[in-house]
Amino acid sequence: MITMAILVVAALLFSGASVFSFCKANYCACNHAGECDNPINHYWLASIVFSLFALACCCIALHAQNGTYLWLVLMSSCLSGAILSARKQKLKQCDQTKPTDDLLTGGIN
């Protein structure tokens, strides 16, 4: 019973780390296009690996079918929290955005 609880908590931590890496990769790809190709690859790889660790912990704790359902719930709740946080941050930073013309004339390096 305690082992199952530890595995579920570990799965939650891995899900959070996976979503963090996913958001970090997207942020780097959108805001620093062409500048940080290697970190994007590392963040994507970390996101996939953490997600697989979370899935493994869930499946070991609750067996295949119920573990997969728990993994889906954990990942979707972490992603929805990240989306809500991003929307809140976007509302705060609306005045600091660049005009579209600046993005088009500067180009992507």
N, C-alpha and C. Protein backbone atom coordinates (compact mmCIF):
# COMPACT_ATOMS: atom_id res chain seq x y z
N MET A 1 0.82 -1.20 0.00
CA MET A 1 0.00 0.00 0.00
C MET A 1 0.87 1.27 0.00
N ILE A 2 1.89 1.26 0.83
CA ILE A 2 2.79 2.42 0.89
C ILE A 2 3.58 2.53 -0.41
N THR A 3 3.96 1.39 -0.96
CA THR A 3 4.70 1.40 -2.22
C THR A 3 3.86 2.00 -3.34
N MET A 4 2.56 1.66 -3.34
CA MET A 4 1.67 2.21 -4.36
C MET A 4 1.56 3.73 -4.22
N ALA A 5 1.46 4.21 -2.99
CA ALA A 5 1.36 5.66 -2.77
C ALA A 5 2.65 6.36 -3.20
N ILE A 6 3.78 5.76 -2.91
CA ILE A 6 5.06 6.35 -3.31
C ILE A 6 5.18 6.41 -4.82
N LEU A 7 4.75 5.32 -5.49
CA LEU A 7 4.80 5.30 -6.95
C LEU A 7 3.86 6.33 -7.57
N VAL A 8 2.70 6.53 -6.97
CA VAL A 8 1.76 7.54 -7.50
C VAL A 8 2.33 8.94 -7.30
N VAL A 9 2.94 9.20 -6.16
CA VAL A 9 3.56 10.51 -5.92
C VAL A 9 4.73 10.72 -6.88
N ALA A 10 5.51 9.66 -7.11
CA ALA A 10 6.62 9.76 -8.08
C ALA A 10 6.08 10.04 -9.48
N ALA A 11 4.96 9.40 -9.83
CA ALA A 11 4.35 9.63 -11.13
C ALA A 11 3.88 11.08 -11.26
N LEU A 12 3.34 11.62 -10.18
CA LEU A 12 2.92 13.03 -10.20
C LEU A 12 4.11 13.96 -10.39
N LEU A 13 5.20 13.66 -9.72
CA LEU A 13 6.41 14.48 -9.88
C LEU A 13 6.97 14.38 -11.30
N PHE A 14 7.00 13.17 -11.84
CA PHE A 14 7.48 13.00 -13.21
C PHE A 14 6.55 13.68 -14.22
N SER A 15 5.25 13.65 -13.96
CA SER A 15 4.30 14.34 -14.85
C SER A 15 4.55 15.84 -14.83
N GLY A 16 4.76 16.38 -13.64
CA GLY A 16 5.05 17.81 -13.53
C GLY A 16 6.35 18.19 -14.22
N ALA A 17 7.37 17.35 -14.06
CA ALA A 17 8.65 17.60 -14.73
C ALA A 17 8.50 17.51 -16.24
N SER A 18 7.68 16.58 -16.71
CA SER A 18 7.45 16.44 -18.14
C SER A 18 6.76 17.68 -18.71
N VAL A 19 5.76 18.16 -18.02
CA VAL A 19 5.05 19.35 -18.49
C VAL A 19 5.95 20.57 -18.42
N PHE A 20 6.78 20.67 -17.38
CA PHE A 20 7.72 21.79 -17.29
C PHE A 20 8.68 21.77 -18.47
N SER A 21 9.22 20.61 -18.80
CA SER A 21 10.14 20.51 -19.93
C SER A 21 9.45 20.82 -21.25
N PHE A 22 8.21 20.38 -21.39
CA PHE A 22 7.43 20.66 -22.59
C PHE A 22 7.21 22.17 -22.75
N CYS A 23 6.83 22.83 -21.66
CA CYS A 23 6.60 24.28 -21.72
C CYS A 23 7.90 25.04 -21.97
N LYS A 24 8.99 24.57 -21.37
CA LYS A 24 10.29 25.21 -21.58
C LYS A 24 10.73 25.08 -23.04
N ALA A 25 10.50 23.92 -23.64
CA ALA A 25 10.85 23.72 -25.05
C ALA A 25 10.02 24.63 -25.95
N ASN A 26 8.73 24.73 -25.66
CA ASN A 26 7.88 25.61 -26.46
C ASN A 26 8.26 27.07 -26.30
N TYR A 27 8.58 27.48 -25.08
CA TYR A 27 8.99 28.87 -24.84
C TYR A 27 10.26 29.18 -25.61
N CYS A 28 11.22 28.28 -25.53
CA CYS A 28 12.49 28.50 -26.21
C CYS A 28 12.30 28.52 -27.72
N ALA A 29 11.44 27.65 -28.24
CA ALA A 29 11.21 27.61 -29.68
C ALA A 29 10.50 28.85 -30.18
N CYS A 30 9.60 29.39 -29.38
CA CYS A 30 8.82 30.55 -29.82
C CYS A 30 9.57 31.86 -29.63
N ASN A 31 10.25 32.01 -28.52
CA ASN A 31 10.86 33.30 -28.20
C ASN A 31 12.33 33.42 -28.62
N HIS A 32 12.99 32.32 -28.82
CA HIS A 32 14.41 32.35 -29.19
C HIS A 32 14.64 31.43 -30.38
N ALA A 33 13.85 31.58 -31.40
CA ALA A 33 13.95 30.69 -32.57
C ALA A 33 15.32 30.82 -33.21
N GLY A 34 15.96 29.71 -33.45
CA GLY A 34 17.27 29.69 -34.08
C GLY A 34 18.43 29.89 -33.13
N GLU A 35 18.16 30.35 -31.91
CA GLU A 35 19.24 30.60 -30.96
C GLU A 35 19.52 29.40 -30.06
N CYS A 36 18.52 28.60 -29.82
CA CYS A 36 18.70 27.53 -28.83
C CYS A 36 18.15 26.22 -29.35
N ASP A 37 18.74 25.73 -30.43
CA ASP A 37 18.27 24.47 -30.99
C ASP A 37 18.60 23.28 -30.09
N ASN A 38 19.81 23.26 -29.55
CA ASN A 38 20.16 22.13 -28.69
C ASN A 38 19.32 22.06 -27.43
N PRO A 39 19.12 23.15 -26.70
CA PRO A 39 18.25 23.04 -25.52
C PRO A 39 16.84 22.59 -25.87
N ILE A 40 16.34 22.98 -27.03
CA ILE A 40 15.00 22.52 -27.41
C ILE A 40 15.00 21.01 -27.52
N ASN A 41 16.01 20.46 -28.17
CA ASN A 41 16.09 19.01 -28.29
C ASN A 41 16.19 18.35 -26.92
N HIS A 42 16.98 18.94 -26.02
CA HIS A 42 17.12 18.39 -24.68
C HIS A 42 15.81 18.48 -23.90
N TYR A 43 15.11 19.61 -24.04
CA TYR A 43 13.83 19.77 -23.34
C TYR A 43 12.79 18.79 -23.87
N TRP A 44 12.75 18.61 -25.20
CA TRP A 44 11.80 17.64 -25.75
C TRP A 44 12.13 16.24 -25.28
N LEU A 45 13.40 15.89 -25.30
CA LEU A 45 13.82 14.56 -24.84
C LEU A 45 13.48 14.37 -23.37
N ALA A 46 13.74 15.39 -22.56
CA ALA A 46 13.41 15.31 -21.13
C ALA A 46 11.91 15.15 -20.93
N SER A 47 11.13 15.87 -21.71
CA SER A 47 9.67 15.76 -21.59
C SER A 47 9.20 14.35 -21.90
N ILE A 48 9.72 13.77 -22.95
CA ILE A 48 9.32 12.41 -23.32
C ILE A 48 9.78 11.39 -22.27
N VAL A 49 11.00 11.52 -21.80
CA VAL A 49 11.53 10.57 -20.83
C VAL A 49 10.77 10.67 -19.51
N PHE A 50 10.53 11.89 -19.02
CA PHE A 50 9.77 12.06 -17.78
C PHE A 50 8.36 11.50 -17.92
N SER A 51 7.76 11.73 -19.09
CA SER A 51 6.42 11.20 -19.32
C SER A 51 6.41 9.67 -19.30
N LEU A 52 7.40 9.06 -19.89
CA LEU A 52 7.49 7.60 -19.86
C LEU A 52 7.75 7.07 -18.45
N PHE A 53 8.57 7.78 -17.66
CA PHE A 53 8.78 7.39 -16.27
C PHE A 53 7.47 7.48 -15.48
N ALA A 54 6.71 8.55 -15.73
CA ALA A 54 5.42 8.70 -15.04
C ALA A 54 4.47 7.58 -15.42
N LEU A 55 4.44 7.24 -16.71
CA LEU A 55 3.59 6.14 -17.16
C LEU A 55 4.01 4.82 -16.53
N ALA A 56 5.31 4.58 -16.46
CA ALA A 56 5.81 3.35 -15.84
C ALA A 56 5.44 3.28 -14.36
N CYS A 57 5.58 4.39 -13.65
CA CYS A 57 5.23 4.40 -12.22
C CYS A 57 3.74 4.13 -12.03
N CYS A 58 2.92 4.75 -12.86
CA CYS A 58 1.46 4.53 -12.76
C CYS A 58 1.10 3.09 -13.06
N CYS A 59 1.69 2.53 -14.10
CA CYS A 59 1.37 1.16 -14.49
C CYS A 59 1.88 0.15 -13.47
N ILE A 60 3.02 0.41 -12.86
CA ILE A 60 3.52 -0.49 -11.82
C ILE A 60 2.63 -0.41 -10.59
N ALA A 61 2.17 0.81 -10.25
CA ALA A 61 1.36 0.97 -9.05
C ALA A 61 -0.04 0.39 -9.22
N LEU A 62 -0.66 0.60 -10.35
CA LEU A 62 -2.07 0.22 -10.51
C LEU A 62 -2.32 -0.75 -11.65
N HIS A 63 -1.30 -1.34 -12.18
CA HIS A 63 -1.40 -2.26 -13.33
C HIS A 63 -1.74 -1.49 -14.60
N ALA A 64 -1.78 -2.17 -15.70
CA ALA A 64 -1.77 -1.51 -17.01
C ALA A 64 -2.95 -0.58 -17.27
N GLN A 65 -4.17 -1.07 -17.18
CA GLN A 65 -5.31 -0.25 -17.59
C GLN A 65 -5.56 0.91 -16.62
N ASN A 66 -5.66 0.63 -15.34
CA ASN A 66 -5.91 1.70 -14.37
C ASN A 66 -4.71 2.65 -14.27
N GLY A 67 -3.51 2.13 -14.43
CA GLY A 67 -2.32 2.98 -14.41
C GLY A 67 -2.30 3.95 -15.58
N THR A 68 -2.75 3.48 -16.74
CA THR A 68 -2.82 4.36 -17.90
C THR A 68 -3.86 5.45 -17.70
N TYR A 69 -5.00 5.08 -17.11
CA TYR A 69 -6.02 6.10 -16.82
C TYR A 69 -5.50 7.14 -15.84
N LEU A 70 -4.80 6.68 -14.80
CA LEU A 70 -4.23 7.62 -13.84
C LEU A 70 -3.20 8.51 -14.50
N TRP A 71 -2.38 7.95 -15.37
CA TRP A 71 -1.37 8.74 -16.08
C TRP A 71 -2.02 9.82 -16.93
N LEU A 72 -3.10 9.45 -17.62
CA LEU A 72 -3.82 10.44 -18.44
C LEU A 72 -4.39 11.57 -17.58
N VAL A 73 -4.93 11.22 -16.43
CA VAL A 73 -5.47 12.24 -15.52
C VAL A 73 -4.34 13.14 -15.01
N LEU A 74 -3.22 12.55 -14.61
CA LEU A 74 -2.10 13.35 -14.10
C LEU A 74 -1.55 14.29 -15.17
N MET A 75 -1.33 13.77 -16.36
CA MET A 75 -0.76 14.59 -17.42
C MET A 75 -1.73 15.70 -17.83
N SER A 76 -3.01 15.37 -17.94
CA SER A 76 -3.97 16.40 -18.36
C SER A 76 -4.13 17.46 -17.28
N SER A 77 -4.09 17.08 -16.01
CA SER A 77 -4.21 18.09 -14.96
C SER A 77 -2.97 18.98 -14.91
N CYS A 78 -1.79 18.41 -15.11
CA CYS A 78 -0.57 19.23 -15.14
C CYS A 78 -0.57 20.17 -16.34
N LEU A 79 -0.98 19.66 -17.50
CA LEU A 79 -1.04 20.51 -18.70
C LEU A 79 -2.08 21.61 -18.57
N SER A 80 -3.23 21.29 -17.98
CA SER A 80 -4.25 22.33 -17.82
C SER A 80 -3.79 23.40 -16.84
N GLY A 81 -3.06 22.99 -15.81
CA GLY A 81 -2.49 23.99 -14.90
C GLY A 81 -1.48 24.87 -15.59
N ALA A 82 -0.67 24.29 -16.47
CA ALA A 82 0.31 25.08 -17.22
C ALA A 82 -0.38 26.03 -18.19
N ILE A 83 -1.46 25.58 -18.82
CA ILE A 83 -2.19 26.44 -19.75
C ILE A 83 -2.83 27.61 -19.01
N LEU A 84 -3.44 27.34 -17.85
CA LEU A 84 -4.04 28.42 -17.07
C LEU A 84 -2.99 29.43 -16.61
N SER A 85 -1.83 28.92 -16.19
CA SER A 85 -0.75 29.81 -15.77
C SER A 85 -0.24 30.65 -16.93
N ALA A 86 -0.12 30.04 -18.11
CA ALA A 86 0.36 30.78 -19.29
C ALA A 86 -0.63 31.87 -19.68
N ARG A 87 -1.92 31.57 -19.59
CA ARG A 87 -2.92 32.59 -19.92
C ARG A 87 -2.86 33.75 -18.96
N LYS A 88 -2.66 33.46 -17.68
CA LYS A 88 -2.57 34.52 -16.69
C LYS A 88 -1.33 35.38 -16.93
N GLN A 89 -0.20 34.74 -17.25
CA GLN A 89 1.02 35.48 -17.55
C GLN A 89 0.87 36.30 -18.82
N LYS A 90 0.17 35.77 -19.81
CA LYS A 90 -0.02 36.48 -21.07
C LYS A 90 -0.83 37.75 -20.86
N LEU A 91 -1.82 37.70 -19.98
CA LEU A 91 -2.61 38.89 -19.70
C LEU A 91 -1.76 39.97 -19.04
N LYS A 92 -0.79 39.57 -18.22
CA LYS A 92 0.09 40.53 -17.56
C LYS A 92 1.08 41.17 -18.54
N GLN A 93 1.48 40.43 -19.58
CA GLN A 93 2.56 40.89 -20.45
C GLN A 93 2.06 41.40 -21.80
N CYS A 94 0.81 41.71 -21.92
CA CYS A 94 0.28 42.13 -23.22
C CYS A 94 0.91 43.44 -23.71
N ASP A 95 1.31 44.31 -22.82
CA ASP A 95 1.88 45.59 -23.23
C ASP A 95 3.32 45.46 -23.69
N GLN A 96 3.99 44.39 -23.38
CA GLN A 96 5.41 44.25 -23.68
C GLN A 96 5.67 43.51 -24.99
N THR A 97 4.66 43.20 -25.76
CA THR A 97 4.87 42.45 -27.00
C THR A 97 5.40 43.35 -28.10
N LYS A 98 6.08 42.74 -29.05
CA LYS A 98 6.61 43.48 -30.20
C LYS A 98 5.54 43.59 -31.27
N PRO A 99 5.55 44.67 -32.03
CA PRO A 99 4.63 44.74 -33.17
C PRO A 99 4.99 43.69 -34.22
N THR A 100 4.03 43.32 -35.01
CA THR A 100 4.25 42.28 -36.02
C THR A 100 5.28 42.70 -37.05
N ASP A 101 5.33 43.98 -37.40
CA ASP A 101 6.28 44.45 -38.40
C ASP A 101 7.72 44.25 -37.94
N ASP A 102 7.98 44.44 -36.65
CA ASP A 102 9.33 44.23 -36.13
C ASP A 102 9.76 42.78 -36.29
N LEU A 103 8.84 41.86 -36.07
CA LEU A 103 9.19 40.45 -36.21
C LEU A 103 9.47 40.08 -37.66
N LEU A 104 8.71 40.67 -38.57
CA LEU A 104 8.88 40.33 -39.99
C LEU A 104 10.14 40.94 -40.59
N THR A 105 10.51 42.14 -40.18
CA THR A 105 11.69 42.77 -40.77
C THR A 105 12.97 42.24 -40.16
N GLY A 106 12.95 41.82 -38.90
CA GLY A 106 14.16 41.31 -38.25
C GLY A 106 14.55 39.95 -38.77
N GLY A 107 13.59 39.14 -39.12
CA GLY A 107 13.89 37.79 -39.60
C GLY A 107 14.27 36.86 -38.48
N ILE A 108 14.40 35.62 -38.83
CA ILE A 108 14.80 34.61 -37.88
C ILE A 108 16.23 34.20 -38.19
N ASN A 109 17.09 34.34 -37.22
CA ASN A 109 18.51 33.98 -37.38
C ASN A 109 18.78 32.67 -36.73
